[in-house]
């Protein structure tokens, strides 16, 4: 029997959402003039709340505004590594660190499954000792430059569970041979939590907290 511990990232491991902060960080490092476009990013975010665009559209437009149409992987790596250093110093919850270490010590294979873009989530995961990162992927052009569009699905909601199952299939892992723990703060991860053997609602917002009480899932607070 293999053991997996699957962690969401934003507001589960980190105290705050990371996407907008990453965009601001990238603009400051590369093109500070792009910070003047933050009001436009806010308008796009409002459009998402009003259901005028989806999460993929929100990411695509925001990235194009704050980072640009295309970025060489070496440059993105430089920006992402610097952001990860900051996040590990100031943004990762102590309770999350302790649980990650406890799961590792108990023999769990650590999987980060996040809607955040792989190009910076992987840098954070690496510093925390995760074995696997399942995340939203960016399109690339023929030269490997990172584009603003998404490659495949946004790793969110039911798509996150599909992407986990696709990764398992690629690894030759059979669900019946696994014991799975899953940790998340948001009700969008209900499909993953229902699927896990040990679901944990962590730093849960209202809808997930209510669902956890209904389902009998443990409520953890790492804040």
N, C-alpha and C. Protein backbone atom coordinates (compact mmCIF):
# COMPACT_ATOMS: atom_id res chain seq x y z
N UNK A 1 0.84 -1.19 0.00
CA UNK A 1 0.00 0.00 0.00
C UNK A 1 0.88 1.25 0.00
N UNK A 2 0.71 2.09 -1.02
CA UNK A 2 1.42 3.35 -1.08
C UNK A 2 0.58 4.46 -0.43
N UNK A 3 1.24 5.45 0.10
CA UNK A 3 0.56 6.53 0.79
C UNK A 3 0.86 7.86 0.10
N UNK A 4 -0.21 8.60 -0.22
CA UNK A 4 -0.08 9.92 -0.82
C UNK A 4 -0.69 10.96 0.11
N UNK A 5 -0.04 12.10 0.23
CA UNK A 5 -0.60 13.26 0.92
C UNK A 5 -0.67 14.39 -0.10
N UNK A 6 -1.90 14.79 -0.46
CA UNK A 6 -2.12 15.77 -1.52
C UNK A 6 -2.54 17.09 -0.90
N UNK A 7 -1.77 18.12 -1.19
CA UNK A 7 -1.99 19.44 -0.61
C UNK A 7 -2.36 20.46 -1.68
N UNK A 8 -3.42 21.21 -1.44
CA UNK A 8 -3.64 22.46 -2.15
C UNK A 8 -2.57 23.45 -1.68
N UNK A 9 -2.37 24.54 -2.43
CA UNK A 9 -1.35 25.51 -2.01
C UNK A 9 -1.94 26.79 -1.43
N UNK A 10 -2.65 27.58 -2.25
CA UNK A 10 -3.09 28.90 -1.81
C UNK A 10 -4.07 28.82 -0.65
N UNK A 11 -3.71 29.48 0.46
CA UNK A 11 -4.53 29.57 1.67
C UNK A 11 -4.66 28.23 2.40
N UNK A 12 -3.97 27.21 1.89
CA UNK A 12 -3.82 25.95 2.62
C UNK A 12 -2.41 25.89 3.18
N UNK A 13 -1.43 25.98 2.29
CA UNK A 13 -0.03 26.06 2.69
C UNK A 13 0.39 27.51 2.92
N UNK A 14 -0.07 28.39 2.05
CA UNK A 14 0.28 29.81 2.17
C UNK A 14 -0.81 30.59 2.89
N UNK A 15 -0.41 31.66 3.53
CA UNK A 15 -1.38 32.45 4.28
C UNK A 15 -2.35 33.19 3.37
N UNK A 16 -1.87 33.59 2.18
CA UNK A 16 -2.67 34.38 1.26
C UNK A 16 -2.61 33.78 -0.15
N UNK A 17 -3.55 34.14 -1.03
CA UNK A 17 -3.44 33.73 -2.43
C UNK A 17 -2.15 34.26 -3.04
N UNK A 18 -1.60 33.53 -3.99
CA UNK A 18 -0.28 33.88 -4.51
C UNK A 18 -0.31 34.54 -5.88
N UNK A 19 -1.36 34.37 -6.67
CA UNK A 19 -1.32 34.76 -8.08
C UNK A 19 -1.06 36.26 -8.27
N UNK A 20 -1.89 37.10 -7.66
CA UNK A 20 -1.71 38.54 -7.85
C UNK A 20 -0.38 38.99 -7.28
N UNK A 21 0.01 38.42 -6.16
CA UNK A 21 1.30 38.80 -5.57
C UNK A 21 2.46 38.39 -6.48
N UNK A 22 2.32 37.23 -7.14
CA UNK A 22 3.36 36.84 -8.09
C UNK A 22 3.43 37.81 -9.26
N UNK A 23 2.28 38.20 -9.79
CA UNK A 23 2.27 39.15 -10.91
C UNK A 23 2.92 40.47 -10.53
N UNK A 24 2.62 40.98 -9.34
CA UNK A 24 3.23 42.23 -8.87
C UNK A 24 4.74 42.06 -8.72
N UNK A 25 5.14 40.94 -8.15
CA UNK A 25 6.57 40.64 -7.99
C UNK A 25 7.26 40.60 -9.35
N UNK A 26 6.65 39.92 -10.33
CA UNK A 26 7.25 39.81 -11.66
C UNK A 26 7.37 41.18 -12.32
N UNK A 27 6.33 41.99 -12.19
CA UNK A 27 6.38 43.33 -12.79
C UNK A 27 7.47 44.17 -12.14
N UNK A 28 7.59 44.11 -10.83
CA UNK A 28 8.61 44.90 -10.14
C UNK A 28 10.01 44.48 -10.57
N UNK A 29 10.22 43.17 -10.75
CA UNK A 29 11.54 42.69 -11.12
C UNK A 29 11.90 43.04 -12.56
N UNK A 30 10.90 42.98 -13.44
CA UNK A 30 11.20 43.05 -14.87
C UNK A 30 10.82 44.39 -15.51
N UNK A 31 9.61 44.84 -15.24
CA UNK A 31 9.09 46.04 -15.92
C UNK A 31 8.21 46.82 -14.95
N UNK A 32 8.81 47.61 -14.07
CA UNK A 32 8.02 48.32 -13.06
C UNK A 32 6.89 49.17 -13.64
N UNK A 33 7.02 49.61 -14.89
CA UNK A 33 5.95 50.41 -15.48
C UNK A 33 4.64 49.64 -15.56
N UNK A 34 4.73 48.31 -15.59
CA UNK A 34 3.51 47.50 -15.67
C UNK A 34 2.65 47.59 -14.41
N UNK A 35 3.23 48.05 -13.32
CA UNK A 35 2.44 48.21 -12.10
C UNK A 35 1.30 49.20 -12.31
N UNK A 36 1.46 50.09 -13.28
CA UNK A 36 0.39 51.04 -13.59
C UNK A 36 -0.83 50.34 -14.20
N UNK A 37 -0.65 49.08 -14.62
CA UNK A 37 -1.74 48.31 -15.22
C UNK A 37 -2.55 47.54 -14.18
N UNK A 38 -2.17 47.65 -12.91
CA UNK A 38 -2.91 46.92 -11.87
C UNK A 38 -4.40 47.24 -11.84
N UNK A 39 -4.82 48.49 -12.05
CA UNK A 39 -6.27 48.74 -12.11
C UNK A 39 -6.96 47.93 -13.21
N UNK A 40 -6.28 47.72 -14.33
CA UNK A 40 -6.86 46.91 -15.40
C UNK A 40 -7.01 45.46 -14.95
N UNK A 41 -6.03 44.96 -14.18
CA UNK A 41 -6.13 43.61 -13.63
C UNK A 41 -7.34 43.51 -12.70
N UNK A 42 -7.56 44.56 -11.93
CA UNK A 42 -8.73 44.57 -11.03
C UNK A 42 -10.04 44.52 -11.81
N UNK A 43 -10.08 45.20 -12.94
CA UNK A 43 -11.27 45.17 -13.79
C UNK A 43 -11.50 43.75 -14.32
N UNK A 44 -10.43 43.09 -14.73
CA UNK A 44 -10.55 41.71 -15.21
C UNK A 44 -11.06 40.81 -14.08
N UNK A 45 -10.54 41.01 -12.87
CA UNK A 45 -10.99 40.22 -11.73
C UNK A 45 -12.48 40.45 -11.45
N UNK A 46 -12.93 41.70 -11.61
CA UNK A 46 -14.36 41.99 -11.45
C UNK A 46 -15.15 41.27 -12.53
N UNK A 47 -14.62 41.24 -13.75
CA UNK A 47 -15.28 40.51 -14.82
C UNK A 47 -15.43 39.04 -14.50
N UNK A 48 -14.43 38.48 -13.83
CA UNK A 48 -14.53 37.08 -13.40
C UNK A 48 -15.65 36.91 -12.37
N UNK A 49 -15.69 37.81 -11.40
CA UNK A 49 -16.74 37.72 -10.37
C UNK A 49 -18.13 37.86 -10.97
N UNK A 50 -18.23 38.65 -12.06
CA UNK A 50 -19.52 38.84 -12.74
C UNK A 50 -19.78 37.77 -13.80
N UNK A 51 -18.86 36.78 -13.86
CA UNK A 51 -18.98 35.65 -14.79
C UNK A 51 -18.89 36.09 -16.26
N UNK A 52 -18.15 37.17 -16.50
CA UNK A 52 -17.91 37.62 -17.87
C UNK A 52 -16.70 36.91 -18.48
N UNK A 53 -15.89 36.30 -17.64
CA UNK A 53 -14.77 35.48 -18.10
C UNK A 53 -14.59 34.36 -17.09
N UNK A 54 -13.89 33.31 -17.50
CA UNK A 54 -13.64 32.21 -16.58
C UNK A 54 -12.27 32.37 -15.94
N UNK A 55 -11.88 31.41 -15.09
CA UNK A 55 -10.61 31.52 -14.39
C UNK A 55 -9.43 31.46 -15.36
N UNK A 56 -9.58 30.67 -16.42
CA UNK A 56 -8.51 30.61 -17.42
C UNK A 56 -8.34 31.96 -18.11
N UNK A 57 -9.46 32.62 -18.43
CA UNK A 57 -9.39 33.94 -19.04
C UNK A 57 -8.79 34.97 -18.10
N UNK A 58 -9.15 34.88 -16.82
CA UNK A 58 -8.59 35.78 -15.82
C UNK A 58 -7.07 35.64 -15.77
N UNK A 59 -6.58 34.41 -15.76
CA UNK A 59 -5.13 34.20 -15.72
C UNK A 59 -4.46 34.69 -17.00
N UNK A 60 -5.07 34.37 -18.12
CA UNK A 60 -4.46 34.74 -19.41
C UNK A 60 -4.30 36.25 -19.54
N UNK A 61 -5.37 36.99 -19.26
CA UNK A 61 -5.33 38.44 -19.45
C UNK A 61 -4.43 39.09 -18.41
N UNK A 62 -4.51 38.62 -17.16
CA UNK A 62 -3.70 39.21 -16.10
C UNK A 62 -2.21 39.00 -16.37
N UNK A 63 -1.85 37.80 -16.81
CA UNK A 63 -0.45 37.53 -17.10
C UNK A 63 0.05 38.40 -18.25
N UNK A 64 -0.77 38.53 -19.27
CA UNK A 64 -0.35 39.34 -20.41
C UNK A 64 -0.13 40.80 -20.00
N UNK A 65 -1.00 41.31 -19.13
CA UNK A 65 -0.86 42.69 -18.67
C UNK A 65 0.39 42.90 -17.82
N UNK A 66 0.64 41.97 -16.90
CA UNK A 66 1.68 42.21 -15.89
C UNK A 66 3.04 41.61 -16.26
N UNK A 67 3.06 40.62 -17.14
CA UNK A 67 4.32 39.97 -17.51
C UNK A 67 4.64 40.16 -18.98
N UNK A 68 3.60 40.13 -19.83
CA UNK A 68 3.82 40.28 -21.25
C UNK A 68 3.34 39.08 -22.03
N UNK A 69 3.45 39.17 -23.35
CA UNK A 69 2.91 38.12 -24.22
C UNK A 69 3.72 36.84 -24.15
N UNK A 70 5.03 36.94 -23.95
CA UNK A 70 5.89 35.75 -23.93
C UNK A 70 7.11 36.05 -23.08
N UNK A 71 7.61 35.00 -22.42
CA UNK A 71 8.78 35.17 -21.56
C UNK A 71 9.66 33.93 -21.69
N UNK A 72 10.96 34.15 -21.86
CA UNK A 72 11.90 33.03 -21.95
C UNK A 72 11.87 32.24 -20.64
N UNK A 73 11.98 30.91 -20.73
CA UNK A 73 11.91 30.10 -19.51
C UNK A 73 12.98 30.44 -18.50
N UNK A 74 14.17 30.83 -18.97
CA UNK A 74 15.23 31.20 -18.03
C UNK A 74 14.84 32.44 -17.23
N UNK A 75 14.21 33.40 -17.90
CA UNK A 75 13.78 34.61 -17.22
C UNK A 75 12.63 34.32 -16.26
N UNK A 76 11.68 33.50 -16.69
CA UNK A 76 10.59 33.13 -15.79
C UNK A 76 11.14 32.38 -14.59
N UNK A 77 12.12 31.51 -14.82
CA UNK A 77 12.72 30.79 -13.71
C UNK A 77 13.36 31.72 -12.70
N UNK A 78 14.05 32.75 -13.19
CA UNK A 78 14.68 33.73 -12.30
C UNK A 78 13.64 34.45 -11.45
N UNK A 79 12.55 34.84 -12.08
CA UNK A 79 11.48 35.54 -11.36
C UNK A 79 10.81 34.60 -10.36
N UNK A 80 10.52 33.37 -10.79
CA UNK A 80 9.82 32.41 -9.93
C UNK A 80 10.67 32.01 -8.73
N UNK A 81 11.95 31.80 -8.93
CA UNK A 81 12.82 31.42 -7.82
C UNK A 81 12.90 32.54 -6.78
N UNK A 82 12.98 33.77 -7.23
CA UNK A 82 13.01 34.90 -6.29
C UNK A 82 11.70 35.00 -5.52
N UNK A 83 10.58 34.79 -6.22
CA UNK A 83 9.28 34.83 -5.54
C UNK A 83 9.17 33.71 -4.51
N UNK A 84 9.64 32.51 -4.86
CA UNK A 84 9.58 31.39 -3.94
C UNK A 84 10.40 31.65 -2.68
N UNK A 85 11.54 32.29 -2.84
CA UNK A 85 12.35 32.64 -1.66
C UNK A 85 11.57 33.55 -0.72
N UNK A 86 10.90 34.54 -1.29
CA UNK A 86 10.10 35.46 -0.48
C UNK A 86 8.95 34.72 0.19
N UNK A 87 8.29 33.88 -0.57
CA UNK A 87 7.12 33.16 -0.04
C UNK A 87 7.52 32.23 1.10
N UNK A 88 8.63 31.55 0.96
CA UNK A 88 9.07 30.65 2.02
C UNK A 88 9.46 31.41 3.29
N UNK A 89 9.93 32.63 3.11
CA UNK A 89 10.34 33.42 4.26
C UNK A 89 9.16 34.04 4.99
N UNK A 90 8.15 34.46 4.24
CA UNK A 90 7.09 35.26 4.86
C UNK A 90 5.68 34.72 4.66
N UNK A 91 5.47 33.80 3.72
CA UNK A 91 4.11 33.45 3.36
C UNK A 91 3.61 32.07 3.72
N UNK A 92 4.52 31.15 4.05
CA UNK A 92 4.11 29.77 4.32
C UNK A 92 3.72 29.63 5.80
N UNK A 93 2.59 29.01 6.03
CA UNK A 93 2.08 28.86 7.39
C UNK A 93 2.89 27.82 8.17
N UNK A 94 3.17 28.13 9.43
CA UNK A 94 3.97 27.22 10.25
C UNK A 94 3.25 25.88 10.44
N UNK A 95 1.93 25.93 10.58
CA UNK A 95 1.17 24.69 10.74
C UNK A 95 1.27 23.81 9.51
N UNK A 96 1.31 24.43 8.33
CA UNK A 96 1.47 23.66 7.10
C UNK A 96 2.84 23.01 7.05
N UNK A 97 3.87 23.75 7.40
CA UNK A 97 5.22 23.18 7.42
C UNK A 97 5.28 21.95 8.33
N UNK A 98 4.68 22.08 9.52
CA UNK A 98 4.72 20.98 10.49
C UNK A 98 3.99 19.75 9.96
N UNK A 99 2.83 19.96 9.31
CA UNK A 99 2.08 18.81 8.81
C UNK A 99 2.80 18.15 7.64
N UNK A 100 3.40 18.95 6.76
CA UNK A 100 4.16 18.41 5.64
C UNK A 100 5.30 17.54 6.16
N UNK A 101 6.01 18.04 7.16
CA UNK A 101 7.11 17.27 7.73
C UNK A 101 6.60 15.99 8.39
N UNK A 102 5.45 16.07 9.07
CA UNK A 102 4.88 14.89 9.72
C UNK A 102 4.48 13.84 8.69
N UNK A 103 3.86 14.27 7.60
CA UNK A 103 3.47 13.31 6.56
C UNK A 103 4.69 12.68 5.92
N UNK A 104 5.73 13.49 5.68
CA UNK A 104 6.95 12.93 5.11
C UNK A 104 7.55 11.88 6.05
N UNK A 105 7.60 12.20 7.33
CA UNK A 105 8.16 11.27 8.31
C UNK A 105 7.35 9.98 8.41
N UNK A 106 6.05 10.09 8.14
CA UNK A 106 5.17 8.91 8.19
C UNK A 106 5.22 8.09 6.91
N UNK A 107 6.02 8.52 5.94
CA UNK A 107 6.19 7.74 4.71
C UNK A 107 5.26 8.11 3.59
N UNK A 108 4.59 9.26 3.68
CA UNK A 108 3.69 9.69 2.62
C UNK A 108 4.48 10.33 1.49
N UNK A 109 4.08 10.05 0.27
CA UNK A 109 4.61 10.74 -0.90
C UNK A 109 3.86 12.06 -1.00
N UNK A 110 4.59 13.16 -1.06
CA UNK A 110 3.98 14.49 -0.98
C UNK A 110 3.65 15.01 -2.37
N UNK A 111 2.39 15.37 -2.58
CA UNK A 111 1.90 15.87 -3.87
C UNK A 111 1.28 17.24 -3.65
N UNK A 112 1.76 18.24 -4.37
CA UNK A 112 1.09 19.53 -4.38
C UNK A 112 0.18 19.56 -5.61
N UNK A 113 -1.10 19.84 -5.39
CA UNK A 113 -2.07 19.94 -6.48
C UNK A 113 -2.73 21.31 -6.36
N UNK A 114 -2.41 22.20 -7.29
CA UNK A 114 -2.80 23.60 -7.14
C UNK A 114 -3.24 24.20 -8.46
N UNK A 115 -4.18 25.14 -8.37
CA UNK A 115 -4.59 25.89 -9.56
C UNK A 115 -3.56 26.92 -9.98
N UNK A 116 -2.60 27.19 -9.12
CA UNK A 116 -1.55 28.15 -9.46
C UNK A 116 -0.72 27.63 -10.63
N UNK A 117 -0.06 28.55 -11.32
CA UNK A 117 0.78 28.16 -12.45
C UNK A 117 1.99 27.37 -11.98
N UNK A 118 2.29 26.32 -12.71
CA UNK A 118 3.42 25.47 -12.38
C UNK A 118 4.73 26.26 -12.31
N UNK A 119 4.86 27.28 -13.18
CA UNK A 119 6.15 27.93 -13.30
C UNK A 119 6.61 28.62 -12.01
N UNK A 120 5.69 28.91 -11.08
CA UNK A 120 6.17 29.37 -9.78
C UNK A 120 5.78 28.44 -8.64
N UNK A 121 4.67 27.69 -8.79
CA UNK A 121 4.28 26.75 -7.74
C UNK A 121 5.35 25.68 -7.54
N UNK A 122 5.98 25.24 -8.62
CA UNK A 122 7.00 24.20 -8.51
C UNK A 122 8.20 24.67 -7.70
N UNK A 123 8.53 25.95 -7.82
CA UNK A 123 9.65 26.49 -7.05
C UNK A 123 9.34 26.49 -5.55
N UNK A 124 8.10 26.81 -5.20
CA UNK A 124 7.68 26.76 -3.80
C UNK A 124 7.65 25.32 -3.31
N UNK A 125 7.08 24.43 -4.12
CA UNK A 125 6.97 23.03 -3.73
C UNK A 125 8.35 22.41 -3.52
N UNK A 126 9.29 22.74 -4.39
CA UNK A 126 10.64 22.20 -4.27
C UNK A 126 11.26 22.59 -2.93
N UNK A 127 11.07 23.82 -2.52
CA UNK A 127 11.64 24.28 -1.25
C UNK A 127 11.00 23.61 -0.05
N UNK A 128 9.77 23.17 -0.20
CA UNK A 128 9.07 22.48 0.89
C UNK A 128 9.26 20.97 0.85
N UNK A 129 9.97 20.48 -0.15
CA UNK A 129 10.27 19.05 -0.22
C UNK A 129 9.19 18.19 -0.84
N UNK A 130 8.31 18.77 -1.65
CA UNK A 130 7.29 17.96 -2.32
C UNK A 130 7.92 17.07 -3.38
N UNK A 131 7.32 15.90 -3.56
CA UNK A 131 7.81 14.94 -4.55
C UNK A 131 7.21 15.17 -5.93
N UNK A 132 5.98 15.69 -5.97
CA UNK A 132 5.23 15.82 -7.22
C UNK A 132 4.48 17.14 -7.20
N UNK A 133 4.41 17.80 -8.35
CA UNK A 133 3.61 19.01 -8.50
C UNK A 133 2.62 18.81 -9.64
N UNK A 134 1.34 18.96 -9.35
CA UNK A 134 0.28 18.93 -10.35
C UNK A 134 -0.33 20.33 -10.32
N UNK A 135 -0.24 21.04 -11.44
CA UNK A 135 -0.59 22.46 -11.44
C UNK A 135 -1.08 22.88 -12.82
N UNK A 136 -1.54 24.11 -12.89
CA UNK A 136 -1.94 24.69 -14.17
C UNK A 136 -0.68 24.92 -15.01
N UNK A 137 -0.75 24.56 -16.28
CA UNK A 137 0.39 24.68 -17.18
C UNK A 137 0.16 25.79 -18.20
N UNK A 138 1.22 26.51 -18.52
CA UNK A 138 1.16 27.57 -19.52
C UNK A 138 1.54 27.04 -20.90
N UNK A 139 0.93 27.61 -21.91
CA UNK A 139 1.32 27.29 -23.28
C UNK A 139 2.73 27.81 -23.54
N UNK A 140 3.40 27.18 -24.51
CA UNK A 140 4.74 27.62 -24.92
C UNK A 140 4.78 27.69 -26.44
N UNK A 141 5.60 28.59 -26.94
CA UNK A 141 5.75 28.68 -28.40
C UNK A 141 6.85 27.72 -28.86
N UNK A 142 7.17 27.76 -30.14
CA UNK A 142 8.13 26.82 -30.71
C UNK A 142 9.52 26.96 -30.09
N UNK A 143 9.84 28.14 -29.58
CA UNK A 143 11.14 28.38 -28.94
C UNK A 143 11.12 28.10 -27.44
N UNK A 144 9.96 27.66 -26.92
CA UNK A 144 9.86 27.35 -25.51
C UNK A 144 9.48 28.52 -24.63
N UNK A 145 9.22 29.69 -25.24
CA UNK A 145 8.82 30.84 -24.45
C UNK A 145 7.45 30.59 -23.81
N UNK A 146 7.30 31.05 -22.58
CA UNK A 146 6.06 30.87 -21.83
C UNK A 146 5.06 31.93 -22.26
N UNK A 147 3.88 31.48 -22.68
CA UNK A 147 2.83 32.36 -23.18
C UNK A 147 1.77 32.56 -22.11
N UNK A 148 0.83 33.44 -22.38
CA UNK A 148 -0.19 33.76 -21.37
C UNK A 148 -1.35 32.77 -21.37
N UNK A 149 -1.52 32.00 -22.44
CA UNK A 149 -2.61 31.03 -22.48
C UNK A 149 -2.30 29.78 -21.68
N UNK A 150 -3.32 28.95 -21.46
CA UNK A 150 -3.16 27.72 -20.69
C UNK A 150 -2.99 26.52 -21.62
N UNK A 151 -2.16 25.60 -21.19
CA UNK A 151 -1.99 24.32 -21.87
C UNK A 151 -2.79 23.28 -21.09
N UNK A 152 -3.91 22.85 -21.65
CA UNK A 152 -4.77 21.94 -20.91
C UNK A 152 -5.69 22.69 -19.97
N UNK A 153 -6.15 21.98 -18.94
CA UNK A 153 -7.15 22.54 -18.04
C UNK A 153 -6.52 23.39 -16.94
N UNK A 154 -7.31 24.33 -16.45
CA UNK A 154 -6.96 25.02 -15.21
C UNK A 154 -7.15 24.02 -14.07
N UNK A 155 -6.14 23.84 -13.26
CA UNK A 155 -6.15 22.79 -12.23
C UNK A 155 -7.01 23.24 -11.04
N UNK A 156 -8.31 23.20 -11.23
CA UNK A 156 -9.25 23.78 -10.27
C UNK A 156 -10.53 22.95 -10.28
N UNK A 157 -11.10 22.74 -9.10
CA UNK A 157 -12.37 22.03 -9.01
C UNK A 157 -12.26 20.60 -9.52
N UNK A 158 -13.28 20.12 -10.25
CA UNK A 158 -13.23 18.75 -10.77
C UNK A 158 -12.03 18.49 -11.66
N UNK A 159 -11.53 19.52 -12.35
CA UNK A 159 -10.36 19.34 -13.22
C UNK A 159 -9.14 18.94 -12.40
N UNK A 160 -9.03 19.42 -11.18
CA UNK A 160 -7.88 19.05 -10.33
C UNK A 160 -7.87 17.55 -10.10
N UNK A 161 -9.01 16.98 -9.75
CA UNK A 161 -9.07 15.54 -9.53
C UNK A 161 -8.76 14.78 -10.82
N UNK A 162 -9.27 15.25 -11.95
CA UNK A 162 -8.95 14.59 -13.23
C UNK A 162 -7.44 14.61 -13.49
N UNK A 163 -6.80 15.73 -13.20
CA UNK A 163 -5.38 15.83 -13.44
C UNK A 163 -4.58 14.93 -12.50
N UNK A 164 -5.05 14.79 -11.27
CA UNK A 164 -4.42 13.85 -10.34
C UNK A 164 -4.57 12.43 -10.85
N UNK A 165 -5.76 12.08 -11.30
CA UNK A 165 -5.98 10.72 -11.81
C UNK A 165 -5.17 10.46 -13.07
N UNK A 166 -5.03 11.48 -13.92
CA UNK A 166 -4.19 11.32 -15.12
C UNK A 166 -2.73 11.11 -14.74
N UNK A 167 -2.27 11.84 -13.75
CA UNK A 167 -0.90 11.64 -13.27
C UNK A 167 -0.73 10.22 -12.73
N UNK A 168 -1.69 9.76 -11.94
CA UNK A 168 -1.63 8.40 -11.40
C UNK A 168 -1.55 7.37 -12.51
N UNK A 169 -2.38 7.55 -13.54
CA UNK A 169 -2.37 6.59 -14.65
C UNK A 169 -1.00 6.57 -15.33
N UNK A 170 -0.41 7.75 -15.48
CA UNK A 170 0.91 7.82 -16.09
C UNK A 170 1.99 7.17 -15.25
N UNK A 171 1.77 7.12 -13.94
CA UNK A 171 2.72 6.49 -13.03
C UNK A 171 2.42 5.01 -12.78
N UNK A 172 1.32 4.54 -13.37
CA UNK A 172 0.92 3.15 -13.13
C UNK A 172 0.37 2.92 -11.74
N UNK A 173 -0.16 3.97 -11.12
CA UNK A 173 -0.72 3.86 -9.77
C UNK A 173 -2.20 3.52 -9.84
N UNK A 174 -2.63 2.57 -9.05
CA UNK A 174 -4.03 2.13 -9.01
C UNK A 174 -4.65 2.64 -7.72
N UNK A 175 -5.82 3.26 -7.83
CA UNK A 175 -6.45 3.88 -6.66
C UNK A 175 -6.60 2.90 -5.51
N UNK A 176 -6.97 1.67 -5.81
CA UNK A 176 -7.17 0.68 -4.75
C UNK A 176 -5.90 0.30 -4.01
N UNK A 177 -4.75 0.64 -4.58
CA UNK A 177 -3.46 0.33 -3.94
C UNK A 177 -2.91 1.51 -3.16
N UNK A 178 -3.71 2.59 -3.04
CA UNK A 178 -3.24 3.82 -2.41
C UNK A 178 -4.06 4.15 -1.17
N UNK A 179 -3.40 4.77 -0.22
CA UNK A 179 -4.10 5.44 0.87
C UNK A 179 -3.82 6.93 0.71
N UNK A 180 -4.87 7.73 0.61
CA UNK A 180 -4.73 9.14 0.23
C UNK A 180 -5.25 10.05 1.33
N UNK A 181 -4.39 11.00 1.71
CA UNK A 181 -4.81 12.14 2.51
C UNK A 181 -4.91 13.35 1.59
N UNK A 182 -5.87 14.22 1.83
CA UNK A 182 -6.01 15.44 1.02
C UNK A 182 -6.32 16.61 1.93
N UNK A 183 -5.71 17.75 1.61
CA UNK A 183 -5.84 18.96 2.42
C UNK A 183 -6.23 20.13 1.52
N UNK A 184 -7.27 20.86 1.89
CA UNK A 184 -7.66 22.05 1.12
C UNK A 184 -8.46 23.01 1.99
N UNK A 185 -8.43 24.27 1.58
CA UNK A 185 -9.16 25.32 2.29
C UNK A 185 -10.49 25.66 1.62
N UNK A 186 -10.72 25.14 0.38
CA UNK A 186 -11.81 25.69 -0.43
C UNK A 186 -12.76 24.60 -0.90
N UNK A 187 -14.05 24.95 -0.95
CA UNK A 187 -15.07 23.99 -1.33
C UNK A 187 -14.94 23.54 -2.78
N UNK A 188 -14.21 24.29 -3.60
CA UNK A 188 -13.98 23.84 -4.98
C UNK A 188 -13.23 22.51 -5.02
N UNK A 189 -12.53 22.18 -3.93
CA UNK A 189 -11.81 20.90 -3.86
C UNK A 189 -12.65 19.79 -3.25
N UNK A 190 -13.96 19.99 -3.14
CA UNK A 190 -14.82 18.94 -2.61
C UNK A 190 -14.68 17.62 -3.38
N UNK A 191 -14.57 17.63 -4.73
CA UNK A 191 -14.38 16.34 -5.42
C UNK A 191 -13.13 15.59 -4.96
N UNK A 192 -12.04 16.31 -4.75
CA UNK A 192 -10.81 15.68 -4.25
C UNK A 192 -10.98 15.17 -2.83
N UNK A 193 -11.60 15.97 -1.99
CA UNK A 193 -11.78 15.57 -0.59
C UNK A 193 -12.71 14.37 -0.48
N UNK A 194 -13.76 14.33 -1.28
CA UNK A 194 -14.67 13.17 -1.28
C UNK A 194 -13.93 11.90 -1.72
N UNK A 195 -12.99 12.04 -2.62
CA UNK A 195 -12.25 10.93 -3.21
C UNK A 195 -11.18 10.38 -2.27
N UNK A 196 -10.69 11.24 -1.36
CA UNK A 196 -9.59 10.86 -0.47
C UNK A 196 -10.07 9.92 0.63
N UNK A 197 -9.13 9.14 1.16
CA UNK A 197 -9.43 8.30 2.32
C UNK A 197 -9.48 9.14 3.60
N UNK A 198 -8.61 10.14 3.67
CA UNK A 198 -8.59 11.05 4.82
C UNK A 198 -8.67 12.48 4.31
N UNK A 199 -9.86 13.06 4.27
CA UNK A 199 -9.99 14.46 3.83
C UNK A 199 -9.87 15.41 5.01
N UNK A 200 -9.15 16.51 4.80
CA UNK A 200 -9.00 17.52 5.83
C UNK A 200 -9.37 18.89 5.27
N UNK A 201 -10.28 19.57 5.95
CA UNK A 201 -10.63 20.95 5.61
C UNK A 201 -9.72 21.85 6.42
N UNK A 202 -8.85 22.58 5.74
CA UNK A 202 -7.79 23.35 6.40
C UNK A 202 -8.05 24.84 6.20
N UNK A 203 -8.05 25.60 7.30
CA UNK A 203 -8.29 27.05 7.19
C UNK A 203 -9.55 27.31 6.36
N UNK A 204 -10.55 26.51 6.57
CA UNK A 204 -11.69 26.43 5.65
C UNK A 204 -12.52 27.71 5.65
N UNK A 205 -12.92 28.13 4.43
CA UNK A 205 -13.90 29.22 4.34
C UNK A 205 -15.28 28.64 4.64
N UNK A 206 -16.28 29.52 4.74
CA UNK A 206 -17.59 29.11 5.23
C UNK A 206 -18.20 27.91 4.54
N UNK A 207 -18.31 27.89 3.19
CA UNK A 207 -18.93 26.75 2.52
C UNK A 207 -18.22 25.43 2.77
N UNK A 208 -16.88 25.44 2.79
CA UNK A 208 -16.17 24.18 3.05
C UNK A 208 -16.32 23.77 4.51
N UNK A 209 -16.29 24.74 5.41
CA UNK A 209 -16.48 24.40 6.82
C UNK A 209 -17.84 23.73 7.04
N UNK A 210 -18.87 24.27 6.39
CA UNK A 210 -20.21 23.67 6.53
C UNK A 210 -20.24 22.27 5.94
N UNK A 211 -19.61 22.09 4.78
CA UNK A 211 -19.58 20.76 4.16
C UNK A 211 -18.80 19.78 5.02
N UNK A 212 -17.70 20.25 5.62
CA UNK A 212 -16.89 19.37 6.46
C UNK A 212 -17.69 18.89 7.67
N UNK A 213 -18.45 19.79 8.28
CA UNK A 213 -19.29 19.39 9.41
C UNK A 213 -20.32 18.36 8.96
N UNK A 214 -20.93 18.60 7.80
CA UNK A 214 -21.93 17.66 7.26
C UNK A 214 -21.33 16.30 6.98
N UNK A 215 -20.11 16.27 6.43
CA UNK A 215 -19.46 15.01 6.04
C UNK A 215 -18.68 14.36 7.18
N UNK A 216 -18.44 15.11 8.24
CA UNK A 216 -17.64 14.58 9.33
C UNK A 216 -16.14 14.64 9.07
N UNK A 217 -15.72 15.57 8.20
CA UNK A 217 -14.29 15.72 7.91
C UNK A 217 -13.63 16.56 9.00
N UNK A 218 -12.41 16.21 9.38
CA UNK A 218 -11.71 17.03 10.38
C UNK A 218 -11.47 18.45 9.85
N UNK A 219 -11.61 19.41 10.76
CA UNK A 219 -11.31 20.81 10.46
C UNK A 219 -9.99 21.16 11.15
N UNK A 220 -9.03 21.63 10.34
CA UNK A 220 -7.73 22.03 10.86
C UNK A 220 -7.53 23.53 10.62
N UNK A 221 -6.85 24.18 11.54
CA UNK A 221 -6.54 25.60 11.37
C UNK A 221 -5.04 25.77 11.53
N UNK A 222 -4.36 26.11 10.44
CA UNK A 222 -2.91 26.30 10.45
C UNK A 222 -2.53 27.77 10.46
N UNK A 223 -3.50 28.66 10.61
CA UNK A 223 -3.21 30.09 10.56
C UNK A 223 -2.64 30.57 11.89
